Amino acid sequence: MSKTDKKLLVIKTRKAGKSIKDISALFKLSKSTVSKWVSDIKLTETQKRKLYLKMVKSGHKGRMIGAEMNKQKKLDKISHYKKLATEEIGDLSKRDLSLLVTALFWAEGSKTDSRFIFINSDPSMIKLVYDFLVLEFKIPKDRIKINIQINESHKDRMSKILSFWSDLLKLHHSQIGKPYYVKTIHKKVYVNHDNYYGIVRLKVTKSSELFYKIWGMVSEVRGKYMSM
C-alpha cells in the first residue's frame, strides 16, 4: 500500500471516530504521524464523547489492574515475612511469655495506682495477659474484673460485646462492670464497626503485691536494656 493510500485510509478511519492511538496501532504508524495526517479533521461532539468514555473506561481498568497487582504484592510480602517470622521465632517458652507480658504491662499497665490494671482494645492481647495471670501467677479467676469503654454508637451491640468478652475470657457476668460510653460523635464511618469490642480495663482485686512484682520485672528488663 502506497503512502498516499494509507494516508487516505487513516483520514477515513479518523472521520469514523477512531482514536489516534487505535489508528496508530491499526496501520502500524507512529502517533505523531497519525496526528499530523488528521490534524484538520474535526470530530463531532458524539464522537468526542465516545472517545472520552472509552478513555475513562480504559484508565479505570488500568487502575483496577494496578491496584490488584499492588494488593497481590502486599499479600506476597506479608506471607513471606510471616513465614520468616515462624522460622525465626519458633515456639514460645514460659520465659518468652513472661518477658512479653512484662513489656506489655510496661507499655499499657497502671503506673502509680498500686493495683494491677491493664488496658487495651486488642482481644488477643487482653487474653494473653489474662491467661498469664491465671496460669503463671496463679491469680484466682474470681479476682479478675473487666470494664468496657466504647462509643455510645455501639449501644445496640452491647449484649453481643458483653458475650464476646465473657466467652473469650470465661468470665461470669458479675466480673464485668457497667460499661462506660463515650459520647463523642464520630464523623467518620468505621468499616470495623461490627467487629469492634471496645477498650477493656482489666484489673485484679487486692493486687498491690502483684503490682510490685510485675513492676519489679519491668525495672529489671529496663535496667538490663539500658546497661547494654
Foldseek 3Di string as FASTA:
>chain_A
DDPVVLLVVLQVVVQVLDDLVVSCVVSVHDSVVSCVSNVPPDHDPVSVVVVVVVVVVVVVVVVVVVVVVVVVVVVVVVVVVVVVCCVVVPDADPVNLLVVLLVQCVPAFDDPPLWTKGKDQDLVNVLSNLCCCCPPVVAPPVQKAKEFEEACVCVVVLVVLLVVNCVSNVDDPVRYDDYHHDDDDDPDDDPCSVVGNGMMIMTGPPGSVVVVVSVVVNVVVVVVVVVD
